[in-house]
Amino acid sequence: MDSYEYLRINAGDLTEALASHLDEARWLVDLESGEVVCAGAEELTGLPEEEAWDDPDRFLVIQPMAAFEAFQIMEDFVETLPEGETCRALARALLLPRPFRAFKDTLGDFPAQRERWFKFHQERMLTYAQTWLEDTLPGARLSVG
């Protein structure tokens, strides 16, 4: 098994990649530098398209978090809320068609809980990123900042 102890991967970049579901682009980890790169059309990423991104010895494609896992994070957040209007509204949003959009829109009505959500989500994504890193690139480390 390969060891990637030399790699330091930016936690913010990795969590963004794991949460992203872009049809026109894919996220990659550069196995030489640890950089997380969004590879796709130059108009979308701001970076020139490179055939080198198809080199599996240098770049690892990051598979985004499954929708059911992202949904579970929203459900877990709702479970942390005290009984009341916010809890009921967000629980109801998860039952609607397009629950991700409904949840986000509903959070807009509750600014204090919206800020709590961002912190909760970020903590969960960091945990998910750490687990992903341990499973995928043994020895690599997340760097914050």
Foldseek 3Di string as FASTA:
>chain_A
DDALQVAEAALVLLLCQQADDDPFWWWKQFSVHRYIAIAGPCVVRVDHHDPCCVPPVGIDTDHHDDPVVVLVLLVVLLVVDDDDDLSVQLVVLCVDPPSVVSNVVSVVVPVVSVVVSVVSSSVVSSVVSVVCCCVPHNNYHYDYD
